[in-house]
């Protein structure tokens, strides 16, 4: 039995974060229910599309830094979502073609598109793990087939811990994953916050929860707590639009309601 057969048919009646996000990014790998929820959220918070785009751009800048200046050649990307443009392996392997990348997601549609995700360079390696972020032990065991946990790893957790509603559980997941990383590894994390436009953000959170796709917003202080015990790189925990943006004559871009950081494990 193939992995696709074991998972069974894709549920097209319930929205899924990966597909809603894909819709906001202009992708085609989504269903009417995902577009419906995406439009509902966008109606109460029009800036959500900008959040999605700035989050994607942050991923690119962070991975380029890790694969280049930091010399990271292994990446564990949890909650990767559906392939769009500049996926983690594409960005990393442009810098270092021998980069090894493991993607983790629990949406069967992502598995269907795994071949696209796995099309890396001949020198590098890509793999896919079907697992929920709430099961870090399984993630680590499966990822160890591809990644060497005695060497530094870039742990990517972009927009994923908001799917873990309980604060203590979210912290425990982060702690378990970071504990498994060797020194010199990095945590790249971003999540939604209510800091920039609290009223619209709260309405968007309510809309997603009512639609069956709950996503918990946390304060910048709560997001910063996920980096406890690590050394944050400059500029610290900031809006994704303001983490080392490309130089511009117009100064820093506007803040959006997703905050991020990049930190190294001593």
C-alpha atoms as a PDB file:
ATOM      1  CA  UNK A   1       0.000   0.000   0.000  1.00  0.00           C
ATOM      2  CA  UNK A   2       1.381   3.404  -0.965  1.00  0.00           C
ATOM      3  CA  UNK A   3       1.493   6.335   1.449  1.00  0.00           C
ATOM      4  CA  UNK A   4      -1.207   8.057  -0.607  1.00  0.00           C
ATOM      5  CA  UNK A   5      -3.506   5.022  -0.308  1.00  0.00           C
ATOM      6  CA  UNK A   6      -2.851   4.706   3.415  1.00  0.00           C
ATOM      7  CA  UNK A   7      -3.836   8.311   4.020  1.00  0.00           C
ATOM      8  CA  UNK A   8      -7.081   7.909   2.094  1.00  0.00           C
ATOM      9  CA  UNK A   9      -8.900  10.611   0.106  1.00  0.00           C
ATOM     10  CA  UNK A  10      -8.229  14.299   0.589  1.00  0.00           C
ATOM     11  CA  UNK A  11     -10.923  16.039   2.658  1.00  0.00           C
ATOM     12  CA  UNK A  12     -12.186  18.835   0.422  1.00  0.00           C
ATOM     13  CA  UNK A  13     -14.958  19.856   2.833  1.00  0.00           C
ATOM     14  CA  UNK A  14     -12.705  21.122   5.631  1.00  0.00           C
ATOM     15  CA  UNK A  15     -10.267  24.013   5.204  1.00  0.00           C
ATOM     16  CA  UNK A  16      -6.576  23.372   5.780  1.00  0.00           C
ATOM     17  CA  UNK A  17      -3.987  26.012   6.676  1.00  0.00           C
ATOM     18  CA  UNK A  18      -1.543  24.909   3.966  1.00  0.00           C
ATOM     19  CA  UNK A  19      -4.180  25.280   1.256  1.00  0.00           C
ATOM     20  CA  UNK A  20      -5.558  28.600   2.571  1.00  0.00           C
ATOM     21  CA  UNK A  21      -2.002  29.943   2.656  1.00  0.00           C
ATOM     22  CA  UNK A  22      -1.456  28.657  -0.878  1.00  0.00           C
ATOM     23  CA  UNK A  23      -4.547  30.588  -1.977  1.00  0.00           C
ATOM     24  CA  UNK A  24      -3.303  33.826  -0.400  1.00  0.00           C
ATOM     25  CA  UNK A  25       0.020  33.380  -2.203  1.00  0.00           C
ATOM     26  CA  UNK A  26      -1.773  33.070  -5.527  1.00  0.00           C
ATOM     27  CA  UNK A  27      -1.331  29.303  -5.834  1.00  0.00           C
ATOM     28  CA  UNK A  28      -3.736  26.857  -7.491  1.00  0.00           C
ATOM     29  CA  UNK A  29      -3.504  23.955  -5.030  1.00  0.00           C
ATOM     30  CA  UNK A  30      -6.613  24.694  -2.994  1.00  0.00           C
ATOM     31  CA  UNK A  31     -10.331  23.900  -2.927  1.00  0.00           C
ATOM     32  CA  UNK A  32     -13.516  26.009  -2.741  1.00  0.00           C
ATOM     33  CA  UNK A  33     -13.670  25.660   1.055  1.00  0.00           C
ATOM     34  CA  UNK A  34     -10.101  26.972   1.347  1.00  0.00           C
ATOM     35  CA  UNK A  35     -10.858  29.912  -0.922  1.00  0.00           C
ATOM     36  CA  UNK A  36     -14.049  30.602   1.009  1.00  0.00           C
ATOM     37  CA  UNK A  37     -12.210  30.782   4.313  1.00  0.00           C
ATOM     38  CA  UNK A  38      -9.381  32.750   2.723  1.00  0.00           C
ATOM     39  CA  UNK A  39     -11.845  35.321   1.419  1.00  0.00           C
ATOM     40  CA  UNK A  40     -13.633  35.512   4.771  1.00  0.00           C
ATOM     41  CA  UNK A  41     -10.372  36.244   6.557  1.00  0.00           C
ATOM     42  CA  UNK A  42      -9.301  38.717   3.897  1.00  0.00           C
ATOM     43  CA  UNK A  43     -12.630  40.534   4.247  1.00  0.00           C
ATOM     44  CA  UNK A  44     -12.065  41.209   7.958  1.00  0.00           C
ATOM     45  CA  UNK A  45      -8.315  41.630   7.555  1.00  0.00           C
ATOM     46  CA  UNK A  46      -7.325  42.758   4.034  1.00  0.00           C
ATOM     47  CA  UNK A  47      -3.646  42.825   5.006  1.00  0.00           C
ATOM     48  CA  UNK A  48      -3.426  39.036   5.333  1.00  0.00           C
ATOM     49  CA  UNK A  49      -2.196  38.663   1.743  1.00  0.00           C
ATOM     50  CA  UNK A  50       0.689  41.024   2.480  1.00  0.00           C
ATOM     51  CA  UNK A  51       1.453  38.974   5.585  1.00  0.00           C
ATOM     52  CA  UNK A  52       1.667  35.829   3.446  1.00  0.00           C
ATOM     53  CA  UNK A  53       3.939  37.469   0.889  1.00  0.00           C
ATOM     54  CA  UNK A  54       6.256  39.059   3.455  1.00  0.00           C
ATOM     55  CA  UNK A  55       6.454  35.741   5.320  1.00  0.00           C
ATOM     56  CA  UNK A  56       7.540  34.006   2.125  1.00  0.00           C
ATOM     57  CA  UNK A  57      10.154  36.670   1.460  1.00  0.00           C
ATOM     58  CA  UNK A  58      11.458  36.297   5.026  1.00  0.00           C
ATOM     59  CA  UNK A  59      11.895  32.556   4.448  1.00  0.00           C
ATOM     60  CA  UNK A  60      14.084  33.310   1.449  1.00  0.00           C
ATOM     61  CA  UNK A  61      16.265  35.829   3.269  1.00  0.00           C
ATOM     62  CA  UNK A  62      16.680  33.588   6.317  1.00  0.00           C
ATOM     63  CA  UNK A  63      17.565  30.478   4.323  1.00  0.00           C
ATOM     64  CA  UNK A  64      20.033  32.395   2.155  1.00  0.00           C
ATOM     65  CA  UNK A  65      21.764  33.634   5.298  1.00  0.00           C
ATOM     66  CA  UNK A  66      21.907  30.178   6.878  1.00  0.00           C
ATOM     67  CA  UNK A  67      23.049  28.382   3.726  1.00  0.00           C
ATOM     68  CA  UNK A  68      25.573  31.090   2.922  1.00  0.00           C
ATOM     69  CA  UNK A  69      27.141  33.069   5.752  1.00  0.00           C
ATOM     70  CA  UNK A  70      26.222  30.568   8.499  1.00  0.00           C
ATOM     71  CA  UNK A  71      27.308  27.529   6.464  1.00  0.00           C
ATOM     72  CA  UNK A  72      24.211  25.423   7.260  1.00  0.00           C
ATOM     73  CA  UNK A  73      23.807  22.518   4.817  1.00  0.00           C
ATOM     74  CA  UNK A  74      20.841  20.737   6.466  1.00  0.00           C
ATOM     75  CA  UNK A  75      17.293  22.002   6.950  1.00  0.00           C
ATOM     76  CA  UNK A  76      14.236  20.598   8.744  1.00  0.00           C
ATOM     77  CA  UNK A  77      11.188  22.546   7.523  1.00  0.00           C
ATOM     78  CA  UNK A  78       8.092  21.809   9.635  1.00  0.00           C
ATOM     79  CA  UNK A  79       4.743  22.908   8.257  1.00  0.00           C
ATOM     80  CA  UNK A  80       6.155  23.456   4.812  1.00  0.00           C
ATOM     81  CA  UNK A  81       2.770  23.757   3.144  1.00  0.00           C
ATOM     82  CA  UNK A  82       2.271  23.455  -0.591  1.00  0.00           C
ATOM     83  CA  UNK A  83       5.014  24.219  -3.105  1.00  0.00           C
ATOM     84  CA  UNK A  84       4.870  27.732  -4.527  1.00  0.00           C
ATOM     85  CA  UNK A  85       8.060  29.598  -5.420  1.00  0.00           C
ATOM     86  CA  UNK A  86      11.380  29.730  -3.593  1.00  0.00           C
ATOM     87  CA  UNK A  87      10.773  26.709  -1.401  1.00  0.00           C
ATOM     88  CA  UNK A  88      13.407  26.042   1.261  1.00  0.00           C
ATOM     89  CA  UNK A  89      15.339  23.505  -0.800  1.00  0.00           C
ATOM     90  CA  UNK A  90      15.363  25.765  -3.862  1.00  0.00           C
ATOM     91  CA  UNK A  91      16.790  28.703  -1.926  1.00  0.00           C
ATOM     92  CA  UNK A  92      19.305  26.589   0.009  1.00  0.00           C
ATOM     93  CA  UNK A  93      20.502  24.599  -2.994  1.00  0.00           C
ATOM     94  CA  UNK A  94      21.088  27.744  -5.035  1.00  0.00           C
ATOM     95  CA  UNK A  95      23.644  28.685  -2.412  1.00  0.00           C
ATOM     96  CA  UNK A  96      24.915  25.166  -1.684  1.00  0.00           C
ATOM     97  CA  UNK A  97      23.780  22.506  -4.169  1.00  0.00           C
ATOM     98  CA  UNK A  98      24.647  19.767  -1.636  1.00  0.00           C
ATOM     99  CA  UNK A  99      22.078  20.996   0.901  1.00  0.00           C
ATOM    100  CA  UNK A 100      19.858  18.333   2.467  1.00  0.00           C
ATOM    101  CA  UNK A 101      16.246  19.289   3.235  1.00  0.00           C
ATOM    102  CA  UNK A 102      13.450  17.430   5.004  1.00  0.00           C
ATOM    103  CA  UNK A 103       9.923  18.796   4.707  1.00  0.00           C
ATOM    104  CA  UNK A 104       7.204  17.967   7.245  1.00  0.00           C
ATOM    105  CA  UNK A 105       3.453  18.430   6.835  1.00  0.00           C
ATOM    106  CA  UNK A 106       0.248  16.549   7.606  1.00  0.00           C
ATOM    107  CA  UNK A 107      -1.926  17.528   4.637  1.00  0.00           C
ATOM    108  CA  UNK A 108      -2.446  14.658   2.142  1.00  0.00           C
ATOM    109  CA  UNK A 109      -2.463  17.207  -0.698  1.00  0.00           C
ATOM    110  CA  UNK A 110       1.126  18.126   0.193  1.00  0.00           C
ATOM    111  CA  UNK A 111       2.002  14.455  -0.125  1.00  0.00           C
ATOM    112  CA  UNK A 112       0.402  14.356  -3.567  1.00  0.00           C
ATOM    113  CA  UNK A 113       2.707  17.213  -4.569  1.00  0.00           C
ATOM    114  CA  UNK A 114       5.754  15.704  -2.854  1.00  0.00           C
ATOM    115  CA  UNK A 115       7.392  14.971  -6.186  1.00  0.00           C
ATOM    116  CA  UNK A 116       7.546  18.697  -6.856  1.00  0.00           C
ATOM    117  CA  UNK A 117       9.022  19.292  -3.413  1.00  0.00           C
ATOM    118  CA  UNK A 118      11.565  16.516  -3.874  1.00  0.00           C
ATOM    119  CA  UNK A 119      12.920  17.772  -7.181  1.00  0.00           C
ATOM    120  CA  UNK A 120      16.175  19.135  -5.804  1.00  0.00           C
ATOM    121  CA  UNK A 121      19.696  19.242  -7.173  1.00  0.00           C
ATOM    122  CA  UNK A 122      21.580  16.032  -8.051  1.00  0.00           C
ATOM    123  CA  UNK A 123      24.163  16.886  -5.382  1.00  0.00           C
ATOM    124  CA  UNK A 124      21.606  17.517  -2.630  1.00  0.00           C
ATOM    125  CA  UNK A 125      18.841  15.510  -0.981  1.00  0.00           C
ATOM    126  CA  UNK A 126      15.166  16.266  -0.332  1.00  0.00           C
ATOM    127  CA  UNK A 127      12.773  14.135   1.675  1.00  0.00           C
ATOM    128  CA  UNK A 128       9.220  14.430   2.966  1.00  0.00           C
ATOM    129  CA  UNK A 129       7.763  13.336   6.317  1.00  0.00           C
ATOM    130  CA  UNK A 130       4.023  13.003   6.800  1.00  0.00           C
ATOM    131  CA  UNK A 131       3.583  14.033  10.441  1.00  0.00           C
ATOM    132  CA  UNK A 132       1.837  16.516  12.702  1.00  0.00           C
ATOM    133  CA  UNK A 133       3.867  19.176  14.499  1.00  0.00           C
ATOM    134  CA  UNK A 134       2.390  17.854  17.754  1.00  0.00           C
ATOM    135  CA  UNK A 135       4.391  14.646  17.291  1.00  0.00           C
ATOM    136  CA  UNK A 136       8.001  15.894  17.484  1.00  0.00           C
ATOM    137  CA  UNK A 137       9.408  12.471  18.349  1.00  0.00           C
ATOM    138  CA  UNK A 138       8.107  11.002  15.113  1.00  0.00           C
ATOM    139  CA  UNK A 139       9.369  14.004  13.160  1.00  0.00           C
ATOM    140  CA  UNK A 140      12.853  13.631  14.604  1.00  0.00           C
ATOM    141  CA  UNK A 141      12.965   9.866  14.065  1.00  0.00           C
ATOM    142  CA  UNK A 142      11.860  10.175  10.438  1.00  0.00           C
ATOM    143  CA  UNK A 143      14.114  13.151   9.707  1.00  0.00           C
ATOM    144  CA  UNK A 144      17.134  11.268  11.049  1.00  0.00           C
ATOM    145  CA  UNK A 145      16.963   9.024   7.977  1.00  0.00           C
ATOM    146  CA  UNK A 146      18.080  11.997   5.891  1.00  0.00           C
ATOM    147  CA  UNK A 147      19.695  14.482   8.266  1.00  0.00           C
ATOM    148  CA  UNK A 148      22.793  14.008  10.415  1.00  0.00           C
ATOM    149  CA  UNK A 149      21.866  15.196  13.909  1.00  0.00           C
ATOM    150  CA  UNK A 150      25.529  15.378  14.909  1.00  0.00           C
ATOM    151  CA  UNK A 151      25.955  18.315  12.517  1.00  0.00           C
ATOM    152  CA  UNK A 152      24.202  21.728  12.614  1.00  0.00           C
ATOM    153  CA  UNK A 153      20.670  21.925  11.242  1.00  0.00           C
ATOM    154  CA  UNK A 154      18.428  24.831  10.323  1.00  0.00           C
ATOM    155  CA  UNK A 155      15.030  24.217  11.968  1.00  0.00           C
ATOM    156  CA  UNK A 156      12.318  26.095  10.063  1.00  0.00           C
ATOM    157  CA  UNK A 157       9.049  26.706  11.929  1.00  0.00           C
ATOM    158  CA  UNK A 158       7.199  29.289   9.889  1.00  0.00           C
ATOM    159  CA  UNK A 159       3.554  29.871  10.734  1.00  0.00           C
ATOM    160  CA  UNK A 160       3.227  26.453  12.353  1.00  0.00           C
ATOM    161  CA  UNK A 161       3.019  26.916  16.133  1.00  0.00           C
ATOM    162  CA  UNK A 162      -0.121  29.017  15.736  1.00  0.00           C
ATOM    163  CA  UNK A 163      -1.793  25.727  14.834  1.00  0.00           C
ATOM    164  CA  UNK A 164      -0.991  24.471  18.344  1.00  0.00           C
ATOM    165  CA  UNK A 165      -3.587  26.316  20.403  1.00  0.00           C
ATOM    166  CA  UNK A 166      -2.346  25.418  23.874  1.00  0.00           C
ATOM    167  CA  UNK A 167       0.619  27.589  24.918  1.00  0.00           C
ATOM    168  CA  UNK A 168       2.225  24.917  27.080  1.00  0.00           C
ATOM    169  CA  UNK A 169       1.985  22.332  24.311  1.00  0.00           C
ATOM    170  CA  UNK A 170       3.455  24.747  21.762  1.00  0.00           C
ATOM    171  CA  UNK A 171       6.394  25.442  24.073  1.00  0.00           C
ATOM    172  CA  UNK A 172       6.893  21.718  24.726  1.00  0.00           C
ATOM    173  CA  UNK A 173       6.989  20.990  20.984  1.00  0.00           C
ATOM    174  CA  UNK A 174       9.558  23.713  20.417  1.00  0.00           C
ATOM    175  CA  UNK A 175      11.628  22.526  23.388  1.00  0.00           C
ATOM    176  CA  UNK A 176      11.697  18.909  22.198  1.00  0.00           C
ATOM    177  CA  UNK A 177      12.783  19.864  18.694  1.00  0.00           C
ATOM    178  CA  UNK A 178      15.452  22.347  19.772  1.00  0.00           C
ATOM    179  CA  UNK A 179      16.826  19.902  22.350  1.00  0.00           C
ATOM    180  CA  UNK A 180      17.530  17.415  19.554  1.00  0.00           C
ATOM    181  CA  UNK A 181      19.631  19.912  17.591  1.00  0.00           C
ATOM    182  CA  UNK A 182      23.415  19.972  17.995  1.00  0.00           C
ATOM    183  CA  UNK A 183      25.211  23.208  18.923  1.00  0.00           C
ATOM    184  CA  UNK A 184      25.611  25.574  16.007  1.00  0.00           C
ATOM    185  CA  UNK A 185      22.100  24.813  14.749  1.00  0.00           C
ATOM    186  CA  UNK A 186      19.580  27.565  14.052  1.00  0.00           C
ATOM    187  CA  UNK A 187      15.892  28.109  14.764  1.00  0.00           C
ATOM    188  CA  UNK A 188      13.996  30.170  12.191  1.00  0.00           C
ATOM    189  CA  UNK A 189      10.516  30.883  13.537  1.00  0.00           C
ATOM    190  CA  UNK A 190       7.625  33.163  12.707  1.00  0.00           C
ATOM    191  CA  UNK A 191       4.002  33.282  13.759  1.00  0.00           C
ATOM    192  CA  UNK A 192       0.997  35.526  13.680  1.00  0.00           C
ATOM    193  CA  UNK A 193       0.593  38.241  16.296  1.00  0.00           C
ATOM    194  CA  UNK A 194      -2.043  40.747  17.312  1.00  0.00           C
ATOM    195  CA  UNK A 195       0.512  43.510  17.793  1.00  0.00           C
ATOM    196  CA  UNK A 196       0.079  45.608  14.637  1.00  0.00           C
ATOM    197  CA  UNK A 197      -3.701  45.728  14.132  1.00  0.00           C
ATOM    198  CA  UNK A 198      -5.275  44.080  17.190  1.00  0.00           C
ATOM    199  CA  UNK A 199      -8.898  44.545  16.169  1.00  0.00           C
ATOM    200  CA  UNK A 200      -8.514  43.124  12.655  1.00  0.00           C
ATOM    201  CA  UNK A 201      -6.231  40.349  13.869  1.00  0.00           C
ATOM    202  CA  UNK A 202      -8.709  39.286  16.545  1.00  0.00           C
ATOM    203  CA  UNK A 203     -11.507  39.199  13.978  1.00  0.00           C
ATOM    204  CA  UNK A 204      -9.366  37.127  11.607  1.00  0.00           C
ATOM    205  CA  UNK A 205      -8.546  34.691  14.413  1.00  0.00           C
ATOM    206  CA  UNK A 206     -12.252  34.363  15.245  1.00  0.00           C
ATOM    207  CA  UNK A 207     -13.181  33.851  11.584  1.00  0.00           C
ATOM    208  CA  UNK A 208     -10.646  31.067  11.097  1.00  0.00           C
ATOM    209  CA  UNK A 209     -11.702  29.301  14.283  1.00  0.00           C
ATOM    210  CA  UNK A 210     -15.373  29.400  13.314  1.00  0.00           C
ATOM    211  CA  UNK A 211     -14.522  28.064   9.846  1.00  0.00           C
ATOM    212  CA  UNK A 212     -12.714  25.024  11.283  1.00  0.00           C
ATOM    213  CA  UNK A 213      -9.161  26.241  10.634  1.00  0.00           C
ATOM    214  CA  UNK A 214      -8.115  27.624  14.042  1.00  0.00           C
ATOM    215  CA  UNK A 215      -4.895  29.593  14.283  1.00  0.00           C
ATOM    216  CA  UNK A 216      -3.830  31.189  17.561  1.00  0.00           C
ATOM    217  CA  UNK A 217      -2.251  34.618  17.514  1.00  0.00           C
ATOM    218  CA  UNK A 218       0.420  35.301  20.133  1.00  0.00           C
ATOM    219  CA  UNK A 219       2.026  38.495  21.366  1.00  0.00           C
ATOM    220  CA  UNK A 220       5.551  39.430  20.275  1.00  0.00           C
ATOM    221  CA  UNK A 221       6.678  38.639  23.828  1.00  0.00           C
ATOM    222  CA  UNK A 222       5.222  35.131  23.566  1.00  0.00           C
ATOM    223  CA  UNK A 223       6.900  34.631  20.196  1.00  0.00           C
ATOM    224  CA  UNK A 224      10.206  35.862  21.651  1.00  0.00           C
ATOM    225  CA  UNK A 225       9.873  33.243  24.409  1.00  0.00           C
ATOM    226  CA  UNK A 226      10.235  30.497  21.778  1.00  0.00           C
ATOM    227  CA  UNK A 227      13.877  31.630  21.408  1.00  0.00           C
ATOM    228  CA  UNK A 228      14.710  31.192  25.089  1.00  0.00           C
ATOM    229  CA  UNK A 229      18.163  29.662  25.573  1.00  0.00           C
ATOM    230  CA  UNK A 230      19.260  30.604  22.062  1.00  0.00           C
ATOM    231  CA  UNK A 231      21.253  33.575  20.790  1.00  0.00           C
ATOM    232  CA  UNK A 232      19.086  35.809  18.636  1.00  0.00           C
ATOM    233  CA  UNK A 233      20.604  37.320  15.535  1.00  0.00           C
ATOM    234  CA  UNK A 234      20.065  41.008  14.820  1.00  0.00           C
ATOM    235  CA  UNK A 235      17.554  42.606  14.552  1.00  0.00           C
ATOM    236  CA  UNK A 236      15.934  40.274  17.103  1.00  0.00           C
ATOM    237  CA  UNK A 237      12.204  39.500  17.093  1.00  0.00           C
ATOM    238  CA  UNK A 238      10.557  41.825  14.576  1.00  0.00           C
ATOM    239  CA  UNK A 239       7.865  41.897  11.923  1.00  0.00           C
ATOM    240  CA  UNK A 240       8.693  39.526   9.061  1.00  0.00           C
ATOM    241  CA  UNK A 241       8.801  42.526   6.752  1.00  0.00           C
ATOM    242  CA  UNK A 242      11.607  44.049   8.838  1.00  0.00           C
ATOM    243  CA  UNK A 243      13.989  41.113   9.270  1.00  0.00           C
ATOM    244  CA  UNK A 244      16.992  42.220   7.206  1.00  0.00           C
ATOM    245  CA  UNK A 245      14.912  43.579   4.304  1.00  0.00           C
ATOM    246  CA  UNK A 246      16.501  44.437   0.998  1.00  0.00           C
ATOM    247  CA  UNK A 247      17.876  48.009   0.977  1.00  0.00           C
ATOM    248  CA  UNK A 248      15.330  50.556  -0.180  1.00  0.00           C
ATOM    249  CA  UNK A 249      15.362  54.278  -0.755  1.00  0.00           C
ATOM    250  CA  UNK A 250      12.014  54.422   1.046  1.00  0.00           C
ATOM    251  CA  UNK A 251      13.331  53.041   4.322  1.00  0.00           C
ATOM    252  CA  UNK A 252      11.915  50.148   6.299  1.00  0.00           C
ATOM    253  CA  UNK A 253       8.735  48.497   4.987  1.00  0.00           C
ATOM    254  CA  UNK A 254       5.530  48.700   6.994  1.00  0.00           C
ATOM    255  CA  UNK A 255       5.087  46.207   9.813  1.00  0.00           C
ATOM    256  CA  UNK A 256       2.747  43.271   9.220  1.00  0.00           C
ATOM    257  CA  UNK A 257       1.068  41.059  11.804  1.00  0.00           C
ATOM    258  CA  UNK A 258       3.575  38.217  11.733  1.00  0.00           C
ATOM    259  CA  UNK A 259       6.712  38.414  13.856  1.00  0.00           C
ATOM    260  CA  UNK A 260       9.866  36.379  13.432  1.00  0.00           C
ATOM    261  CA  UNK A 261      13.390  35.747  14.550  1.00  0.00           C
ATOM    262  CA  UNK A 262      16.487  33.713  13.749  1.00  0.00           C
ATOM    263  CA  UNK A 263      18.612  32.320  16.564  1.00  0.00           C
ATOM    264  CA  UNK A 264      21.604  30.009  16.963  1.00  0.00           C
ATOM    265  CA  UNK A 265      21.942  27.275  19.553  1.00  0.00           C
ATOM    266  CA  UNK A 266      25.135  27.828  21.596  1.00  0.00           C
END
